[in-house]
Protein backbone atom coordinates (compact mmCIF):
# COMPACT_ATOMS: atom_id res chain seq x y z
CA MET A 1 85.99 112.02 102.50
CA GLU A 2 87.56 115.46 102.66
CA ILE A 3 89.12 117.19 99.67
CA ARG A 4 92.56 117.07 101.31
CA GLU A 5 92.26 113.29 101.46
CA TYR A 6 91.77 113.18 97.69
CA GLY A 7 94.78 115.48 97.36
CA ARG A 8 96.86 113.16 99.52
CA ILE A 9 95.81 110.17 97.41
CA LEU A 10 96.77 111.96 94.20
CA ARG A 11 100.11 113.06 95.63
CA ALA A 12 100.86 109.49 96.66
CA GLY A 13 99.77 108.18 93.25
CA TRP A 14 101.39 110.86 91.07
CA TRP A 15 103.57 108.22 89.43
CA ILE A 16 100.48 106.30 88.34
CA VAL A 17 99.08 109.41 86.66
CA ALA A 18 102.44 110.09 84.98
CA VAL A 19 102.87 106.51 83.74
CA VAL A 20 99.34 106.26 82.36
CA ALA A 21 99.69 109.67 80.67
CA VAL A 22 102.90 108.52 78.97
CA LEU A 23 101.15 105.31 77.91
CA GLY A 24 98.35 107.44 76.46
CA ILE A 25 100.87 109.43 74.41
CA VAL A 26 102.52 106.21 73.23
CA GLY A 27 99.10 104.84 72.34
CA GLY A 28 98.32 107.93 70.26
CA TRP A 29 101.62 107.59 68.43
CA ALA A 30 101.08 103.85 67.87
CA TYR A 31 97.59 104.46 66.47
CA SER A 32 98.95 107.07 64.09
CA PHE A 33 101.89 104.89 63.06
CA PHE A 34 100.17 101.54 62.60
CA SER A 35 96.72 102.56 61.34
CA THR A 36 96.18 102.81 57.56
CA PRO A 37 95.27 106.38 56.55
CA GLN A 38 91.95 106.80 54.78
CA TYR A 39 91.23 109.46 52.16
CA GLN A 40 87.80 110.82 51.31
CA ALA A 41 86.74 112.45 48.03
CA CYS A 42 83.35 114.18 47.75
CA ALA A 43 81.10 115.28 44.89
CA ARG A 44 77.97 117.44 45.08
CA LEU A 45 74.76 116.86 43.11
CA PHE A 46 71.86 119.22 42.43
CA VAL A 47 68.33 117.80 42.21
CA THR A 48 65.89 119.48 39.85
CA THR A 49 62.28 119.04 38.70
CA GLU A 50 60.39 120.42 35.77
CA GLY A 51 59.69 124.11 36.27
CA GLY A 52 56.17 125.42 36.87
CA SER A 53 54.53 128.38 35.20
CA SER A 54 53.46 130.03 38.43
CA VAL A 55 54.95 130.83 41.80
CA GLY A 56 52.82 128.16 43.49
CA GLU A 57 53.93 125.48 41.05
CA ALA A 58 57.57 126.50 41.49
CA TYR A 59 57.21 126.19 45.28
CA GLN A 60 55.62 122.77 44.95
CA ASN A 61 58.41 121.66 42.64
CA ASN A 62 61.02 122.80 45.15
CA LEU A 63 59.38 120.74 47.91
CA PHE A 64 59.21 117.82 45.49
CA SER A 65 62.94 118.18 44.79
CA GLN A 66 63.80 118.21 48.55
CA GLU A 67 61.87 114.98 48.99
CA ARG A 68 63.64 113.52 45.99
CA VAL A 69 67.08 114.31 47.55
CA THR A 70 66.42 111.80 50.34
CA SER A 71 65.36 109.17 47.85
CA TYR A 72 68.40 109.74 45.69
CA ALA A 73 70.65 109.40 48.75
CA GLY A 74 69.25 105.89 49.18
CA LEU A 75 69.82 105.13 45.52
CA ALA A 76 73.45 106.30 45.75
CA THR A 77 74.26 103.47 48.18
CA SER A 78 72.12 100.89 46.43
CA THR A 79 73.50 97.64 45.05
CA GLN A 80 72.52 98.56 41.48
CA VAL A 81 74.46 101.81 41.45
CA ALA A 82 77.43 100.15 43.14
CA GLN A 83 77.48 97.30 40.64
CA ARG A 84 77.35 99.70 37.72
CA ALA A 85 80.27 101.67 39.16
CA VAL A 86 82.29 98.48 39.73
CA ASP A 87 81.65 97.43 36.14
CA GLN A 88 82.64 100.86 34.89
CA LEU A 89 85.91 100.96 36.80
CA GLN A 90 86.59 97.23 36.51
CA LEU A 91 87.79 97.13 40.10
CA PRO A 92 88.57 93.87 41.98
CA LEU A 93 85.84 94.39 44.60
CA SER A 94 82.19 93.49 45.00
CA ALA A 95 79.21 95.80 44.94
CA ASN A 96 78.80 95.41 48.71
CA ASP A 97 82.44 96.34 49.26
CA LEU A 98 81.89 99.52 47.28
CA ARG A 99 78.67 100.32 49.12
CA ALA A 100 80.66 100.24 52.39
CA LYS A 101 82.96 102.93 50.99
CA ILE A 102 80.19 105.33 49.86
CA THR A 103 78.12 107.76 51.93
CA ALA A 104 75.35 110.03 50.66
CA THR A 105 74.22 112.95 52.80
CA PRO A 106 71.31 115.29 51.87
CA ILE A 107 71.94 118.90 52.91
CA GLU A 108 68.97 119.89 55.06
CA SER A 109 66.39 122.29 53.55
CA THR A 110 68.17 122.28 50.18
CA VAL A 111 68.09 120.25 46.98
CA LEU A 112 71.80 119.38 47.29
CA LEU A 113 73.25 115.94 47.87
CA ASP A 114 76.84 115.30 49.00
CA LEU A 115 78.33 112.03 47.81
CA CYS A 116 81.62 110.83 49.34
CA GLY A 117 83.86 107.85 48.75
CA THR A 118 86.58 106.62 51.12
CA ASP A 119 89.67 104.54 50.37
CA SER A 120 93.28 104.16 51.46
CA ASP A 121 94.34 105.37 47.99
CA PRO A 122 93.32 108.99 47.31
CA ASP A 123 93.12 108.40 43.54
CA VAL A 124 90.83 105.41 44.04
CA ALA A 125 88.64 107.44 46.42
CA ARG A 126 88.20 110.09 43.71
CA ALA A 127 87.47 107.51 41.02
CA LEU A 128 84.90 105.69 43.17
CA THR A 129 83.05 108.90 44.03
CA ASN A 130 82.86 110.18 40.46
CA ALA A 131 81.83 106.75 39.14
CA VAL A 132 79.01 106.43 41.66
CA ALA A 133 77.90 110.03 41.04
CA GLY A 134 77.77 109.40 37.28
CA GLN A 135 75.91 106.12 37.63
CA LEU A 136 73.46 107.73 40.08
CA THR A 137 72.53 110.53 37.64
CA GLN A 138 72.05 107.96 34.89
CA LEU A 139 69.86 105.73 37.06
CA VAL A 140 67.79 108.73 38.23
CA GLN A 141 67.17 109.73 34.63
CA GLU A 142 66.02 106.21 33.80
CA LEU A 143 63.69 106.04 36.79
CA GLU A 144 62.22 109.51 36.38
CA THR A 145 61.46 109.07 32.64
CA SER A 146 58.04 107.71 31.84
CA GLN A 147 57.84 104.47 29.85
CA ARG A 148 55.85 106.43 27.27
CA GLY A 149 58.88 108.64 26.72
CA GLY A 150 59.26 112.34 27.16
CA SER A 151 61.34 114.39 29.56
CA PRO A 152 62.14 113.05 33.03
CA ALA A 153 60.03 114.53 35.85
CA ALA A 154 63.20 115.14 37.92
CA GLY A 155 66.90 114.69 37.66
CA ALA A 156 70.25 114.95 39.41
CA THR A 157 73.11 117.01 38.05
CA ILE A 158 76.72 116.83 39.19
CA VAL A 159 77.66 120.30 40.37
CA ASP A 160 81.13 119.54 41.73
CA GLN A 161 83.23 116.61 40.62
CA ALA A 162 85.34 114.89 43.27
CA ASP A 163 88.98 115.94 43.42
CA VAL A 164 91.95 113.91 44.66
CA PRO A 165 92.12 114.44 48.50
CA THR A 166 95.45 115.72 49.76
CA SER A 167 95.16 114.86 53.49
CA PRO A 168 93.82 111.76 55.23
CA LEU A 169 90.73 111.63 57.39
CA GLY A 170 90.94 111.91 61.17
CA ALA A 171 93.24 113.74 63.52
CA GLY A 172 96.89 114.43 62.80
CA LEU A 173 99.83 113.13 64.81
CA VAL A 174 100.00 116.15 67.14
CA THR A 175 96.27 115.95 67.83
CA LEU A 176 96.47 112.21 68.51
CA LEU A 177 99.37 112.72 70.91
CA GLY A 178 97.42 115.44 72.71
CA LEU A 179 94.29 113.31 72.93
CA GLY A 180 96.35 110.39 74.18
CA ALA A 181 97.93 112.56 76.88
CA VAL A 182 94.56 113.95 78.02
CA ALA A 183 92.96 110.50 78.04
CA GLY A 184 95.97 109.08 79.89
CA LEU A 185 95.85 111.83 82.52
CA ALA A 186 92.14 111.31 83.09
CA LEU A 187 92.52 107.54 83.31
CA GLY A 188 95.58 107.88 85.55
CA VAL A 189 93.68 110.12 87.97
CA VAL A 190 90.82 107.60 88.08
CA ILE A 191 93.22 104.70 88.71
CA ALA A 192 95.14 106.62 91.39
CA LEU A 193 91.93 107.60 93.18
CA ALA A 194 90.53 104.07 92.93
CA ARG A 195 93.78 102.65 94.31
CA GLY A 196 93.80 105.14 97.15
CA LEU A 197 90.15 104.53 98.05
CA VAL A 198 90.60 100.75 97.99
CA ASP A 199 93.85 100.97 99.96
CA ARG A 200 92.93 100.49 103.62
CA SER A 201 96.43 101.02 104.99
CA ILE A 202 97.47 103.78 107.38
CA ARG A 203 99.04 106.55 105.30
CA ASP A 204 99.77 109.33 107.78
CA ARG A 205 99.72 110.30 111.44
CA PRO A 206 96.26 111.93 111.48
CA LYS A 207 94.71 108.74 110.11
CA ALA A 208 96.59 106.62 112.67
CA GLU A 209 95.29 108.85 115.45
CA GLU A 210 91.74 108.78 114.09
CA ILE A 211 91.64 104.98 113.70
CA SER A 212 93.35 104.10 116.99
CA GLY A 213 91.66 106.72 119.13
CA ASN A 214 95.05 107.42 120.72
CA ALA A 215 97.61 110.16 120.31
CA VAL A 216 100.49 109.67 117.90
CA LEU A 217 103.59 110.14 120.01
CA GLY A 218 105.99 110.23 117.11
CA GLY A 219 106.89 109.05 113.64
CA LEU A 220 110.04 107.25 112.53
CA PRO A 221 111.18 107.62 108.92
CA ILE A 222 112.45 104.87 106.65
CA ASP A 223 116.04 103.94 107.45
CA ALA A 224 117.66 101.99 104.62
CA GLU A 225 120.47 100.84 106.91
CA ARG A 226 118.18 98.92 109.27
CA PRO A 227 118.30 96.14 110.19
CA LYS A 228 121.91 95.94 108.96
CA THR A 229 123.11 98.12 111.84
CA PRO A 230 122.33 97.26 115.47
CA VAL A 231 121.35 100.82 116.40
CA ALA A 232 120.09 103.62 114.19
CA SER A 233 122.46 106.40 113.22
CA PHE A 234 121.54 109.33 115.45
CA SER A 235 122.69 111.74 112.76
CA LYS A 236 119.67 110.65 110.74
CA MET A 237 117.21 109.29 113.31
CA GLY A 238 118.13 111.36 116.34
CA GLU A 239 115.50 114.07 115.89
CA PRO A 240 112.43 111.82 115.62
CA LEU A 241 113.71 109.53 118.38
CA ARG A 242 114.29 112.44 120.75
CA THR A 243 110.80 113.74 119.97
CA LEU A 244 109.39 110.32 120.89
CA ARG A 245 111.47 110.29 124.10
CA THR A 246 110.18 113.72 125.10
CA ASN A 247 106.55 112.77 124.50
CA ILE A 248 106.95 109.59 126.57
CA ARG A 249 108.51 111.52 129.47
CA PHE A 250 105.48 113.84 129.57
CA LEU A 251 102.96 111.01 129.70
CA GLY A 252 101.22 110.48 133.02
CA GLY A 253 101.96 113.93 134.37
CA GLY A 254 104.34 113.65 137.30
CA SER A 255 104.72 109.86 137.04
CA PRO A 256 105.60 108.91 133.49
CA PRO A 257 105.53 105.23 132.46
CA ARG A 258 108.70 103.33 133.23
CA VAL A 259 108.01 99.82 131.94
CA LEU A 260 107.05 100.06 128.25
CA THR A 261 106.23 97.41 125.72
CA VAL A 262 106.79 98.00 122.02
CA THR A 263 104.27 96.07 119.95
CA SER A 264 102.32 96.11 116.72
CA ALA A 265 99.55 94.29 114.90
CA GLU A 266 101.61 92.22 112.48
CA PRO A 267 105.26 91.26 111.82
CA GLY A 268 107.54 93.58 109.86
CA GLU A 269 106.37 96.85 111.38
CA GLY A 270 109.65 97.76 113.12
CA ARG A 271 109.14 96.60 116.70
CA THR A 272 112.68 95.33 117.41
CA SER A 273 114.38 98.30 115.71
CA THR A 274 112.14 100.76 117.55
CA ALA A 275 112.72 99.05 120.91
CA ILE A 276 116.52 99.18 120.46
CA ASP A 277 116.54 102.79 119.29
CA LEU A 278 114.14 103.89 122.03
CA ALA A 279 116.33 102.29 124.68
CA ALA A 280 119.40 104.00 123.20
CA VAL A 281 117.79 107.44 123.08
CA LEU A 282 116.52 107.09 126.67
CA ALA A 283 120.06 106.18 127.75
CA GLU A 284 121.38 109.19 125.86
CA ALA A 285 119.53 111.39 128.36
CA GLY A 286 121.49 109.75 131.20
CA HIS A 287 118.86 107.24 132.30
CA LYS A 288 119.65 103.66 133.24
CA VAL A 289 117.77 101.48 130.78
CA LEU A 290 117.04 97.76 130.49
CA LEU A 291 116.09 96.37 127.09
CA VAL A 292 114.14 93.10 127.32
CA ASP A 293 113.47 90.70 124.46
CA GLY A 294 109.91 89.62 125.23
CA ASP A 295 109.59 87.78 121.92
CA ILE A 296 110.88 84.46 123.24
CA ARG A 297 109.53 82.63 120.22
CA THR A 298 111.91 84.23 117.67
CA ALA A 299 114.59 85.95 119.79
CA ALA A 300 115.38 88.54 117.13
CA LEU A 301 116.92 91.01 119.57
CA ALA A 302 119.99 88.87 120.37
CA GLU A 303 120.68 88.29 116.69
CA ARG A 304 120.37 92.00 115.93
CA LEU A 305 122.75 92.97 118.75
CA ASP A 306 125.04 89.99 118.16
CA ILE A 307 124.90 88.72 121.73
CA THR A 308 124.58 85.21 123.18
CA GLN A 309 121.35 84.01 124.72
CA GLU A 310 122.09 80.78 126.55
CA HIS A 311 120.74 82.71 129.54
CA GLY A 312 117.72 84.94 129.08
CA LEU A 313 114.14 85.76 129.89
CA SER A 314 112.90 82.21 129.32
CA THR A 315 115.48 80.66 131.67
CA VAL A 316 114.86 83.30 134.34
CA LEU A 317 111.09 82.74 134.23
CA SER A 318 111.57 78.97 134.34
CA GLY A 319 113.83 79.31 137.40
CA GLU A 320 116.98 77.99 135.75
CA HIS A 321 118.96 81.20 136.15
CA ARG A 322 118.93 84.30 138.29
CA LEU A 323 118.14 87.65 136.72
CA GLY A 324 121.64 88.99 137.37
CA ASP A 325 123.19 86.07 135.51
CA ALA A 326 120.99 86.61 132.43
CA VAL A 327 121.26 90.39 132.04
CA GLN A 328 124.15 91.47 129.80
CA PRO A 329 125.44 94.89 130.91
CA ASP A 330 126.16 97.89 128.72
CA VAL A 331 125.50 96.15 125.41
CA ILE A 332 124.59 99.58 124.10
CA ASP A 333 126.11 102.57 125.88
CA GLY A 334 123.95 102.93 128.99
CA VAL A 335 121.63 100.05 128.07
CA ASP A 336 121.63 96.60 129.67
CA VAL A 337 119.98 93.82 127.71
CA LEU A 338 117.98 90.79 128.85
CA PRO A 339 117.82 88.51 125.78
CA ALA A 340 114.97 86.09 125.14
CA GLY A 341 116.94 82.97 125.95
CA PRO A 342 116.28 79.53 124.48
CA VAL A 343 112.83 79.00 122.99
CA PRO A 344 110.63 77.26 125.59
CA PRO A 345 107.81 74.84 124.78
CA ASN A 346 105.27 77.03 126.59
CA PRO A 347 105.99 80.75 125.88
CA SER A 348 102.54 82.10 126.78
CA GLU A 349 102.41 80.21 130.07
CA LEU A 350 105.82 81.52 131.11
CA LEU A 351 104.97 85.14 130.25
CA GLY A 352 101.64 84.92 132.06
CA SER A 353 103.11 83.43 135.21
CA ASP A 354 103.61 85.17 138.54
CA ARG A 355 107.36 85.03 137.94
CA ALA A 356 106.96 87.44 135.00
CA GLN A 357 105.14 89.99 137.16
CA ILE A 358 107.72 89.64 139.93
CA LEU A 359 110.51 90.05 137.39
CA LEU A 360 109.12 93.30 136.00
CA GLU A 361 108.62 94.68 139.48
CA ALA A 362 112.21 93.79 140.35
CA VAL A 363 113.76 95.50 137.33
CA ARG A 364 111.54 98.54 137.90
CA GLY A 365 113.51 99.20 141.05
CA ASP A 366 116.87 98.85 139.33
CA TYR A 367 116.24 100.79 136.11
CA ARG A 368 114.68 104.14 135.26
CA TYR A 369 113.18 102.69 132.08
CA VAL A 370 112.47 99.14 130.95
CA VAL A 371 111.74 98.70 127.24
CA VAL A 372 110.23 95.35 126.24
CA ASP A 373 110.22 94.13 122.64
CA THR A 374 107.14 91.94 122.12
CA PRO A 375 105.66 89.69 119.40
CA PRO A 376 102.90 91.02 117.11
CA LEU A 377 99.50 91.21 118.80
CA LEU A 378 97.44 89.55 116.08
CA SER A 379 99.75 86.54 115.80
CA VAL A 380 100.13 85.42 119.43
CA SER A 381 98.91 86.58 122.82
CA ASP A 382 102.40 87.17 124.28
CA GLY A 383 102.47 90.89 123.51
CA ALA A 384 99.11 91.49 125.16
CA ILE A 385 100.16 89.51 128.24
CA LEU A 386 103.34 91.54 128.70
CA THR A 387 101.49 94.83 128.14
CA ALA A 388 99.03 93.93 130.91
CA LEU A 389 102.02 93.61 133.29
CA ALA A 390 103.69 96.83 132.09
CA ASP A 391 102.82 100.51 132.53
CA GLY A 392 101.64 100.67 128.95
CA SER A 393 102.44 99.99 125.33
CA LEU A 394 103.63 101.85 122.27
CA VAL A 395 101.65 100.47 119.33
CA LEU A 396 103.45 100.75 116.01
CA ALA A 397 101.67 101.37 112.71
CA ARG A 398 103.74 100.95 109.56
CA VAL A 399 102.83 103.61 107.01
CA GLY A 400 101.48 102.06 103.83
CA SER A 401 101.37 98.56 105.34
CA THR A 402 99.38 98.40 108.56
CA THR A 403 95.69 98.41 107.66
CA ARG A 404 93.00 100.27 109.54
CA ASP A 405 91.35 97.03 110.62
CA GLN A 406 94.65 95.63 111.90
CA LEU A 407 95.31 98.73 114.00
CA ARG A 408 91.77 98.64 115.42
CA LYS A 409 92.13 94.94 116.31
CA ALA A 410 95.52 95.54 117.95
CA ILE A 411 94.09 98.31 120.15
CA LYS A 412 91.07 96.13 120.97
CA THR A 413 93.34 93.19 121.87
CA LEU A 414 95.23 95.28 124.41
CA GLY A 415 92.00 96.64 125.84
CA GLY A 416 90.70 93.09 126.25
CA VAL A 417 93.47 92.20 128.73
CA GLY A 418 93.44 95.53 130.53
CA GLY A 419 96.59 96.74 128.82
CA LYS A 420 97.13 100.47 128.53
CA VAL A 421 97.92 102.06 125.18
CA LEU A 422 100.34 104.92 125.77
CA GLY A 423 100.14 106.03 122.17
CA VAL A 424 100.81 105.15 118.56
CA VAL A 425 104.13 105.46 116.73
CA THR A 426 104.09 105.50 112.95
CA THR A 427 107.06 103.75 111.34
CA PHE A 428 108.59 103.68 107.85
CA GLU A 429 107.38 107.18 107.12
CA PRO A 430 108.46 108.57 103.72
CA HIS A 431 111.45 110.89 103.93
CA ARG A 432 110.93 114.62 103.92
CA ARG A 433 113.65 117.01 102.88
CA ARG A 434 115.41 118.54 105.82
CA ARG A 435 118.71 120.28 106.32
CA THR A 436 121.55 118.36 107.88
CA LYS A 437 124.86 119.57 109.17
CA PRO A 438 127.95 118.98 107.04
CA GLY A 439 129.38 115.55 107.70
CA SER A 440 126.16 114.19 109.21
CA THR A 441 124.75 112.72 106.03
CA GLY A 442 125.11 109.11 105.02
CA PRO A 443 125.19 106.00 107.20
CA VAL A 444 127.33 106.23 110.31
CA ALA A 445 128.32 102.96 111.92
CA LYS A 446 129.18 104.37 115.34
CA PRO A 447 127.82 107.91 115.75
CA LYS A 448 128.87 109.87 118.81
CA ILE A 449 126.12 111.33 121.00
CA GLU A 450 126.29 113.45 124.09
CA VAL A 451 125.13 112.00 127.38
CA GLU A 452 124.92 114.70 130.02
CA GLY A 453 127.95 116.62 128.78
CA ARG A 454 130.08 113.66 127.69
CA GLU A 455 130.40 111.78 124.43
CA SER A 456 129.53 108.10 124.20
CA SER A 457 128.97 105.67 121.37
CA ALA A 458 125.26 104.89 121.14
CA ALA A 459 125.97 102.09 118.76
CA THR A 460 128.80 100.35 120.60
CA VAL A 461 127.64 96.75 120.69
CA GLY A 462 129.11 94.39 123.22
CA ARG A 463 129.97 90.83 122.28
CA GLY A 464 128.58 88.22 124.62
């Protein structure tokens, strides 16, 4: 994976990084607020042995004292010393509880021993440390004195008594907040990257082109007004739709495709909206256009355009009605519509019949462009059947929803029936900032567009 792909994943998941970073800061504050502060008081002891009369004896005594420091550190945390300290202070805790609060650390290559006691009360921490230090020196004296009497061979002397600590152990609030933020940022980046790597959906046009093996003819941004409005507002969607129209007109060199199917892998990827808007933008250029609802199982086109469908594609293919009786003229300015008609019991058989091929050939002679809205390819075979009869198909890929496997299977399905893929159109693309002319922002119910020097309403919907 290229570095720019990681950058794209992080840009898409910036909110995850931000949220986790904030949670890290909150966690640092919560730890500081709810945790009980601990105070540590330390004393220092000096270990000595009987002096020698020569330099060699003094050196040996020093080595002996360094070895004794380690032993005394073990004695400092022993049960006997702890019990003596508990008895001295008359505290309501056991010897083992006190041992857990005491640490003894020999200073390397010296005869010094640091003794520290920890407690939530700074005064108690000081008292514990000094009591243990005093009991340790007393026990050392007892152990180092021969049973026959005399001076002890070694001893421990308190050099520094423990003082009352003024600040608790650990990091302060500012440090904890900083650590929480850093930890949250790091974790957020990991989560965002993991989410992006696991996410198999199409995220941009280059990926759609790479996965499909076909050119991306255009991209349609998210339109919050669809499907509430029958036709997209050209003040907002005009530019991408006209780009798509231009790219379609340049396909095939001197003989561009005239009968187009609009399909996708799964439902909810914008087929019906794209078919309507494509038909409208082709009519805007002055072409005579027929919009066909090839999804005779759901008939969403008639509902979107608010037209009747007692007559439609299904009744024409079954021989009940003539084509002229089923086509509703000028439903959209410059666009005739052939609705799906009543749902038949055998949709696939009707669409695969000779009548369907004859029908498409007939309308090819009457219209410059025929746009067919089809069902999703991975749900039923209808879309593939219609594409095999048409000049080619526009395969839609919804950004952030259509997966790579779904797009591959859709392309493979069309190839399996000999259908031609004209190109891919990405839908529901995130908005990018762009300048708009004054008065062209916001939803427009009936925007005016120019058709070869005259104005016409591209969203004027006829009532059937």
